């Protein structure tokens, strides 16, 4: 018996047991749709996180005080990602001496110290507490990954001027901040010369001013102390090596041991890799849960195939009596179960793709600054389809084998 004939008979079995077949197919549809939707959401989440973190610059390294405890966010250049940094009680500020110790490291393009603090801001009779960051204007301009929405960056001759983060400009006061307006910070007037684009990370929640003006404005800020030091590597590939050398230099410069370390070093590159691992693991975990639906569908296929074998017992006897071989019978029932998986897989892919496409339209947000995105790859669709066919054929293997082993005489006498 040829393959085409076996395929025709398998299709005939599928068409003549419609209700039972479609109920079985429904189980595969739900399983495949769940896998496609969940994996696409996980992939979209990973892409979204990578995109937002790449906006911070993978070539940037931040050094901040406090090596004894972990941080709930990122200080210095990474401060906009949310949270404050928890430091040890005995953590000491970084100083100009630390910058001098780091400047000679090969592979560093730019380096500068940052001071930051909270200050009372007044704008059109309204008051708010804001985060103020003092930077070296020229170095910050060459290092920042933030983009301007309007205005300009800080210049070398600026003093009583400020660049405003997007959220500070739009959400802090009832009336949005505008270019060339005056905002008063700790009783000192500052002219707004630039407003940054919203990025969801970075400098959205800061008022950035020249470091000299920040030292004169903020309280308890020494003349040679910094809240963080940011390094910009010439090459992203050298970031890990620079971090190791910087750690060694600071240990020597600050006369510390590993146990007494009072600073921490972080990079966006390491954060990206860590977040990618986390989201990938979560996607695999959720995908595995969704795959349970496919296993339930496989049980349904097996049940359907056993029933089909019983119903077709006499037909099997007739086919065997006119020359059909065991492998022909087995092929017919395997193709039948594979068809169930194929139809279920195609419908499941369609349903899963629809659900995945509707998720962003619902306006669900992925943290500050971003909406949920989903990513459906050709590899995901091909895998889902092949896996559903495989599940169908595996589930139908035992019933097909039993059907092929029926003896013609017994099959013809079956009632």
Protein backbone atom coordinates (compact mmCIF):
# COMPACT_ATOMS: atom_id res chain seq x y z
CA UNK A 1 0.00 0.00 0.00
CA UNK A 2 1.47 3.36 -1.04
CA UNK A 3 1.92 6.43 1.14
CA UNK A 4 -0.72 8.42 -0.75
CA UNK A 5 -3.31 5.69 -0.22
CA UNK A 6 -2.44 5.48 3.47
CA UNK A 7 -2.82 9.25 3.73
CA UNK A 8 -6.20 9.09 2.02
CA UNK A 9 -7.47 6.41 4.40
CA UNK A 10 -6.14 8.33 7.43
CA UNK A 11 -7.95 11.48 6.28
CA UNK A 12 -11.12 9.45 5.78
CA UNK A 13 -10.94 8.19 9.38
CA UNK A 14 -10.49 11.79 10.59
CA UNK A 15 -13.45 13.10 8.58
CA UNK A 16 -15.81 10.31 9.65
CA UNK A 17 -15.29 10.81 13.37
CA UNK A 18 -15.79 14.57 13.34
CA UNK A 19 -17.08 15.40 16.82
CA UNK A 20 -14.58 13.19 18.65
CA UNK A 21 -11.72 14.37 16.42
CA UNK A 22 -12.53 18.05 16.89
CA UNK A 23 -12.79 17.70 20.64
CA UNK A 24 -9.34 16.09 20.57
CA UNK A 25 -8.02 18.81 18.27
CA UNK A 26 -9.36 21.44 20.68
CA UNK A 27 -6.98 20.19 23.37
CA UNK A 28 -4.02 20.61 21.01
CA UNK A 29 -5.25 24.06 19.93
CA UNK A 30 -5.35 25.31 23.53
CA UNK A 31 -1.90 23.90 24.31
CA UNK A 32 -0.20 25.32 21.20
CA UNK A 33 -1.93 28.70 21.59
CA UNK A 34 -0.77 28.92 25.22
CA UNK A 35 2.82 28.08 24.27
CA UNK A 36 2.92 30.59 21.39
CA UNK A 37 1.35 33.42 23.42
CA UNK A 38 3.47 32.90 26.55
CA UNK A 39 6.77 32.48 24.71
CA UNK A 40 6.06 35.54 22.52
CA UNK A 41 5.33 37.63 25.63
CA UNK A 42 8.55 36.38 27.24
CA UNK A 43 10.57 37.19 24.10
CA UNK A 44 8.98 40.63 23.92
CA UNK A 45 9.76 41.25 27.58
CA UNK A 46 13.40 40.32 27.00
CA UNK A 47 13.68 42.59 23.94
CA UNK A 48 12.03 45.46 25.83
CA UNK A 49 14.41 45.15 28.78
CA UNK A 50 17.44 44.89 26.50
CA UNK A 51 16.31 47.95 24.55
CA UNK A 52 15.79 50.03 27.68
CA UNK A 53 19.08 48.97 29.25
CA UNK A 54 20.99 49.58 26.03
CA UNK A 55 19.81 53.19 26.32
CA UNK A 56 22.06 53.50 29.37
CA UNK A 57 25.17 52.64 27.38
CA UNK A 58 26.82 49.24 27.60
CA UNK A 59 30.24 50.94 27.71
CA UNK A 60 29.54 52.75 31.00
CA UNK A 61 30.84 51.67 34.40
CA UNK A 62 29.56 53.20 37.65
CA UNK A 63 31.40 53.23 40.97
CA UNK A 64 29.39 54.18 44.05
CA UNK A 65 29.93 54.06 47.83
CA UNK A 66 28.70 51.14 49.90
CA UNK A 67 30.03 47.67 49.27
CA UNK A 68 28.39 45.98 52.23
CA UNK A 69 24.84 45.63 50.92
CA UNK A 70 23.00 45.28 47.67
CA UNK A 71 21.23 48.17 46.01
CA UNK A 72 17.57 48.39 45.06
CA UNK A 73 18.44 50.50 42.05
CA UNK A 74 21.43 52.06 40.36
CA UNK A 75 23.15 55.17 41.55
CA UNK A 76 24.90 57.87 39.60
CA UNK A 77 24.31 57.46 35.90
CA UNK A 78 21.80 54.67 36.48
CA UNK A 79 19.75 56.54 39.05
CA UNK A 80 16.72 56.86 36.81
CA UNK A 81 16.00 53.16 36.80
CA UNK A 82 14.27 53.51 40.08
CA UNK A 83 14.98 53.02 43.73
CA UNK A 84 17.63 54.38 46.03
CA UNK A 85 20.94 52.85 46.87
CA UNK A 86 21.32 51.25 50.27
CA UNK A 87 24.86 51.68 51.54
CA UNK A 88 26.73 50.56 54.59
CA UNK A 89 26.67 52.91 57.55
CA UNK A 90 30.45 53.35 57.38
CA UNK A 91 30.56 53.86 53.60
CA UNK A 92 32.81 56.77 52.62
CA UNK A 93 32.32 59.10 49.70
CA UNK A 94 34.49 58.82 46.66
CA UNK A 95 37.07 61.58 46.20
CA UNK A 96 39.29 63.23 43.60
CA UNK A 97 42.05 60.89 44.77
CA UNK A 98 39.97 57.95 43.50
CA UNK A 99 39.51 59.61 40.12
CA UNK A 100 43.28 60.15 39.86
CA UNK A 101 43.83 56.46 40.70
CA UNK A 102 41.47 55.42 37.89
CA UNK A 103 42.48 57.90 35.17
CA UNK A 104 45.57 55.98 34.09
CA UNK A 105 43.67 52.73 33.36
CA UNK A 106 44.10 51.81 29.72
CA UNK A 107 40.87 51.65 27.74
CA UNK A 108 39.02 54.46 29.55
CA UNK A 109 37.68 57.16 27.23
CA UNK A 110 36.03 59.50 29.74
CA UNK A 111 35.80 59.69 33.53
CA UNK A 112 34.05 62.11 35.84
CA UNK A 113 32.64 62.41 39.34
CA UNK A 114 28.99 63.12 40.10
CA UNK A 115 27.35 64.58 43.18
CA UNK A 116 23.67 64.20 43.89
CA UNK A 117 21.13 65.03 46.55
CA UNK A 118 17.59 66.15 47.28
CA UNK A 119 16.57 69.78 47.18
CA UNK A 120 13.45 71.92 47.52
CA UNK A 121 12.38 73.31 44.16
CA UNK A 122 9.92 76.18 43.56
CA UNK A 123 8.17 76.88 40.29
CA UNK A 124 5.26 79.30 39.87
CA UNK A 125 4.46 79.26 43.61
CA UNK A 126 4.56 75.46 43.79
CA UNK A 127 7.07 73.49 45.87
CA UNK A 128 8.44 70.01 45.31
CA UNK A 129 11.34 67.86 46.48
CA UNK A 130 13.54 66.92 43.53
CA UNK A 131 16.74 65.01 42.84
CA UNK A 132 19.61 67.27 41.84
CA UNK A 133 22.70 65.96 40.10
CA UNK A 134 25.90 67.91 39.59
CA UNK A 135 28.08 66.96 36.62
CA UNK A 136 31.08 68.19 34.67
CA UNK A 137 29.23 69.79 31.70
CA UNK A 138 31.68 68.87 28.94
CA UNK A 139 32.34 65.30 30.08
CA UNK A 140 28.67 64.63 30.83
CA UNK A 141 27.70 65.79 27.33
CA UNK A 142 30.08 63.24 25.80
CA UNK A 143 29.00 60.46 28.16
CA UNK A 144 25.23 60.75 28.58
CA UNK A 145 22.90 58.49 26.60
CA UNK A 146 19.94 60.82 27.17
CA UNK A 147 18.57 62.78 24.22
CA UNK A 148 17.20 66.31 24.18
CA UNK A 149 13.54 66.97 23.58
CA UNK A 150 14.23 70.70 23.37
CA UNK A 151 16.96 73.18 24.22
CA UNK A 152 20.63 72.31 24.64
CA UNK A 153 23.05 70.49 26.92
CA UNK A 154 25.13 72.17 29.60
CA UNK A 155 28.14 74.16 28.40
CA UNK A 156 31.54 74.90 29.90
CA UNK A 157 30.62 78.46 30.90
CA UNK A 158 27.22 77.59 32.43
CA UNK A 159 26.58 78.08 36.14
CA UNK A 160 23.01 79.00 37.12
CA UNK A 161 21.53 76.76 34.43
CA UNK A 162 19.90 73.34 34.47
CA UNK A 163 18.79 70.53 32.19
CA UNK A 164 15.53 68.96 33.30
CA UNK A 165 14.50 65.29 33.09
CA UNK A 166 11.28 64.52 31.21
CA UNK A 167 9.22 63.45 34.22
CA UNK A 168 10.39 66.37 36.31
CA UNK A 169 9.36 68.70 33.48
CA UNK A 170 5.93 67.18 32.90
CA UNK A 171 4.73 65.58 36.13
CA UNK A 172 6.24 67.34 39.14
CA UNK A 173 4.37 70.64 38.95
CA UNK A 174 0.83 71.41 37.82
CA UNK A 175 2.20 73.51 34.97
CA UNK A 176 4.88 71.83 32.87
CA UNK A 177 8.36 73.30 32.97
CA UNK A 178 9.39 75.16 29.83
CA UNK A 179 12.62 76.34 28.24
CA UNK A 180 14.12 79.64 29.46
CA UNK A 181 11.87 79.63 32.55
CA UNK A 182 13.36 80.04 36.01
CA UNK A 183 13.14 77.28 38.60
CA UNK A 184 14.32 78.01 42.14
CA UNK A 185 16.28 75.27 43.91
CA UNK A 186 17.26 75.80 47.56
CA UNK A 187 16.61 79.55 47.14
CA UNK A 188 18.89 79.80 44.10
CA UNK A 189 17.46 80.61 40.64
CA UNK A 190 18.31 78.35 37.68
CA UNK A 191 17.45 78.93 34.05
CA UNK A 192 16.07 75.89 32.21
CA UNK A 193 18.20 75.48 29.08
CA UNK A 194 17.28 71.91 28.11
CA UNK A 195 14.57 69.29 28.59
CA UNK A 196 15.40 65.61 28.03
CA UNK A 197 13.34 63.05 26.16
CA UNK A 198 11.62 60.41 28.26
CA UNK A 199 13.47 57.10 28.13
CA UNK A 200 12.08 55.19 31.11
CA UNK A 201 15.62 55.04 32.51
CA UNK A 202 18.58 57.34 33.06
CA UNK A 203 17.89 60.98 33.83
CA UNK A 204 14.07 61.22 33.62
CA UNK A 205 13.69 62.10 37.31
CA UNK A 206 16.62 64.47 37.75
CA UNK A 207 17.57 68.10 37.50
CA UNK A 208 21.11 68.23 36.14
CA UNK A 209 23.35 71.25 36.68
CA UNK A 210 27.08 72.08 36.61
CA UNK A 211 28.90 70.43 39.48
CA UNK A 212 30.15 73.76 40.87
CA UNK A 213 26.59 75.10 41.08
CA UNK A 214 25.44 71.84 42.70
CA UNK A 215 28.17 72.08 45.37
CA UNK A 216 27.05 75.65 46.14
CA UNK A 217 23.37 74.61 46.23
CA UNK A 218 23.21 71.26 48.01
CA UNK A 219 23.94 70.85 51.70
CA UNK A 220 26.66 68.60 53.16
CA UNK A 221 28.61 68.35 49.92
CA UNK A 222 32.39 68.63 50.24
CA UNK A 223 34.63 70.28 47.68
CA UNK A 224 36.41 67.09 46.63
CA UNK A 225 33.83 64.37 47.34
CA UNK A 226 31.56 62.56 44.87
CA UNK A 227 28.49 60.36 45.21
CA UNK A 228 29.53 58.30 42.21
CA UNK A 229 32.20 58.06 39.54
CA UNK A 230 31.26 57.10 35.98
CA UNK A 231 33.73 55.65 33.48
CA UNK A 232 33.19 55.35 29.74
CA UNK A 233 35.16 52.57 28.06
CA UNK A 234 36.64 53.01 24.60
CA UNK A 235 35.42 49.53 23.69
CA UNK A 236 32.44 47.60 25.11
CA UNK A 237 34.49 44.38 25.01
CA UNK A 238 36.98 45.82 27.51
CA UNK A 239 34.35 46.70 30.15
CA UNK A 240 34.91 43.57 32.27
CA UNK A 241 38.69 44.01 32.23
CA UNK A 242 38.43 47.69 33.17
CA UNK A 243 36.12 46.80 36.07
CA UNK A 244 38.69 44.31 37.43
CA UNK A 245 41.58 46.78 37.14
CA UNK A 246 39.49 49.60 38.66
CA UNK A 247 38.64 47.35 41.60
CA UNK A 248 42.33 46.60 42.19
CA UNK A 249 43.32 50.27 41.94
CA UNK A 250 40.63 51.42 44.37
CA UNK A 251 41.50 48.68 46.88
CA UNK A 252 45.09 49.92 46.91
CA UNK A 253 44.21 53.63 46.83
CA UNK A 254 41.68 53.37 49.65
CA UNK A 255 43.79 50.90 51.69
CA UNK A 256 41.05 48.26 51.79
CA UNK A 257 40.76 44.50 51.96
CA UNK A 258 38.04 42.45 50.27
CA UNK A 259 36.10 42.18 53.54
CA UNK A 260 36.30 45.92 54.24
CA UNK A 261 35.40 47.09 50.75
CA UNK A 262 33.25 50.26 50.98
CA UNK A 263 32.35 50.75 47.32
CA UNK A 264 30.71 48.81 44.51
CA UNK A 265 31.30 48.67 40.77
CA UNK A 266 28.54 47.95 38.27
CA UNK A 267 28.05 48.10 34.52
CA UNK A 268 25.04 48.10 32.24
CA UNK A 269 26.55 45.24 30.28
CA UNK A 270 26.48 42.97 33.36
CA UNK A 271 22.95 44.09 34.19
CA UNK A 272 21.82 43.31 30.62
CA UNK A 273 23.28 39.81 30.77
CA UNK A 274 21.72 39.16 34.18
CA UNK A 275 18.27 40.40 33.11
CA UNK A 276 18.47 38.38 29.88
CA UNK A 277 19.14 35.21 31.90
CA UNK A 278 16.25 35.96 34.27
CA UNK A 279 13.70 36.64 31.51
CA UNK A 280 14.85 33.62 29.52
CA UNK A 281 14.46 31.36 32.54
CA UNK A 282 11.02 32.81 33.28
CA UNK A 283 9.92 32.31 29.66
CA UNK A 284 11.08 28.69 29.69
CA UNK A 285 9.29 28.10 32.99
CA UNK A 286 6.00 29.60 31.76
CA UNK A 287 6.37 27.77 28.45
CA UNK A 288 6.80 24.50 30.31
CA UNK A 289 3.59 25.16 32.24
CA UNK A 290 1.78 25.88 28.97
CA UNK A 291 3.22 22.68 27.49
CA UNK A 292 1.25 20.71 30.08
CA UNK A 293 -1.83 21.56 28.01
CA UNK A 294 -0.16 19.81 25.07
CA UNK A 295 0.35 16.69 27.19
CA UNK A 296 -3.34 16.76 28.11
CA UNK A 297 -4.08 17.03 24.40
CA UNK A 298 -1.81 14.04 23.75
CA UNK A 299 -3.86 11.95 26.20
CA UNK A 300 -6.97 12.98 24.26
CA UNK A 301 -5.37 11.89 20.97
CA UNK A 302 -4.39 8.52 22.46
CA UNK A 303 -7.94 8.01 23.73
CA UNK A 304 -9.39 8.93 20.34
CA UNK A 305 -7.00 6.60 18.53
CA UNK A 306 -7.82 3.63 20.79
CA UNK A 307 -11.51 4.25 20.09
CA UNK A 308 -10.86 4.50 16.34
CA UNK A 309 -8.98 1.19 16.39
CA UNK A 310 -11.94 -0.49 18.10
CA UNK A 311 -14.40 1.03 15.62
CA UNK A 312 -12.27 0.07 12.63
CA UNK A 313 -11.43 -3.46 13.79
CA UNK A 314 -13.52 -5.15 11.08
CA UNK A 315 -12.12 -2.78 8.44
CA UNK A 316 -8.61 -3.68 9.59
CA UNK A 317 -9.52 -7.38 9.19
CA UNK A 318 -10.81 -6.76 5.66
CA UNK A 319 -7.69 -4.80 4.67
CA UNK A 320 -5.41 -7.48 6.04
CA UNK A 321 -7.35 -10.24 4.32
CA UNK A 322 -6.83 -8.56 0.93
CA UNK A 323 -3.10 -8.11 1.43
CA UNK A 324 -2.48 -5.10 3.70
CA UNK A 325 0.64 -5.54 5.80
CA UNK A 326 1.21 -4.64 9.44
CA UNK A 327 3.29 -1.60 8.46
CA UNK A 328 0.45 -0.35 6.21
CA UNK A 329 -2.08 -0.48 9.05
CA UNK A 330 0.34 1.18 11.42
CA UNK A 331 1.08 3.91 8.86
CA UNK A 332 -2.64 4.68 8.42
CA UNK A 333 -3.25 5.21 12.13
CA UNK A 334 0.01 7.10 12.67
CA UNK A 335 -0.90 9.48 9.84
CA UNK A 336 -4.36 9.87 11.33
CA UNK A 337 -2.96 10.90 14.72
CA UNK A 338 -0.37 13.13 13.00
CA UNK A 339 -3.20 14.89 11.14
CA UNK A 340 -4.94 15.60 14.43
CA UNK A 341 -1.71 17.20 15.68
CA UNK A 342 -1.23 19.13 12.43
CA UNK A 343 -4.73 20.63 12.39
CA UNK A 344 -4.54 21.40 16.12
CA UNK A 345 -1.11 22.97 15.66
CA UNK A 346 -2.19 25.22 12.79
CA UNK A 347 -5.30 26.42 14.63
CA UNK A 348 -3.33 26.83 17.85
CA UNK A 349 -0.71 28.96 16.09
CA UNK A 350 -3.46 31.15 14.67
CA UNK A 351 -5.11 31.57 18.09
CA UNK A 352 -1.79 32.13 19.89
CA UNK A 353 -0.69 34.73 17.32
CA UNK A 354 -4.01 36.56 17.72
CA UNK A 355 -3.72 36.62 21.52
CA UNK A 356 -0.10 37.77 21.25
CA UNK A 357 -1.10 40.58 18.89
CA UNK A 358 -3.92 41.73 21.18
CA UNK A 359 -1.74 42.02 24.31
CA UNK A 360 0.01 45.32 23.31
CA UNK A 361 -3.33 46.74 22.17
CA UNK A 362 -4.72 46.32 25.70
CA UNK A 363 -2.20 48.96 26.84
CA UNK A 364 -0.50 46.76 29.41
CA UNK A 365 2.69 48.42 30.66
CA UNK A 366 6.09 46.91 31.26
CA UNK A 367 7.29 49.12 34.09
CA UNK A 368 8.05 52.83 33.71
CA UNK A 369 8.46 54.13 30.22
CA UNK A 370 7.28 51.20 28.17
CA UNK A 371 4.25 49.19 27.04
CA UNK A 372 4.15 45.43 26.69
CA UNK A 373 5.56 44.12 23.43
CA UNK A 374 5.39 40.60 22.01
CA UNK A 375 7.77 38.94 19.59
CA UNK A 376 6.73 36.00 17.40
CA UNK A 377 9.60 34.40 15.52
CA UNK A 378 9.37 31.95 12.59
CA UNK A 379 11.36 29.49 14.71
CA UNK A 380 8.65 29.59 17.40
CA UNK A 381 5.88 28.89 14.89
CA UNK A 382 7.76 26.08 13.15
CA UNK A 383 8.69 24.48 16.48
CA UNK A 384 5.09 24.70 17.74
CA UNK A 385 3.73 23.07 14.58
CA UNK A 386 6.33 20.28 14.47
CA UNK A 387 5.95 19.64 18.19
CA UNK A 388 2.16 19.32 17.92
CA UNK A 389 2.55 16.84 15.02
CA UNK A 390 5.15 14.94 17.05
CA UNK A 391 2.87 14.86 20.10
CA UNK A 392 0.04 13.54 17.92
CA UNK A 393 2.10 10.75 16.37
CA UNK A 394 3.65 9.72 19.69
CA UNK A 395 0.17 9.58 21.27
CA UNK A 396 -1.08 7.49 18.36
CA UNK A 397 1.91 5.13 18.25
CA UNK A 398 0.60 2.54 20.73
CA UNK A 399 -2.94 2.36 19.30
CA UNK A 400 -1.44 2.14 15.77
CA UNK A 401 0.88 -0.66 16.85
CA UNK A 402 -2.01 -2.58 18.44
CA UNK A 403 -4.07 -2.14 15.28
CA UNK A 404 -1.24 -3.46 13.12
CA UNK A 405 -0.93 -6.61 15.25
CA UNK A 406 -4.58 -7.62 14.98
CA UNK A 407 -5.05 -11.00 13.31
CA UNK A 408 -7.41 -10.90 10.28
CA UNK A 409 -9.65 -13.75 11.55
CA UNK A 410 -10.06 -12.18 15.02
CA UNK A 411 -10.64 -8.75 13.50
CA UNK A 412 -13.36 -10.00 11.15
CA UNK A 413 -15.20 -11.79 13.99
CA UNK A 414 -15.03 -8.69 16.27
CA UNK A 415 -18.45 -7.34 17.35
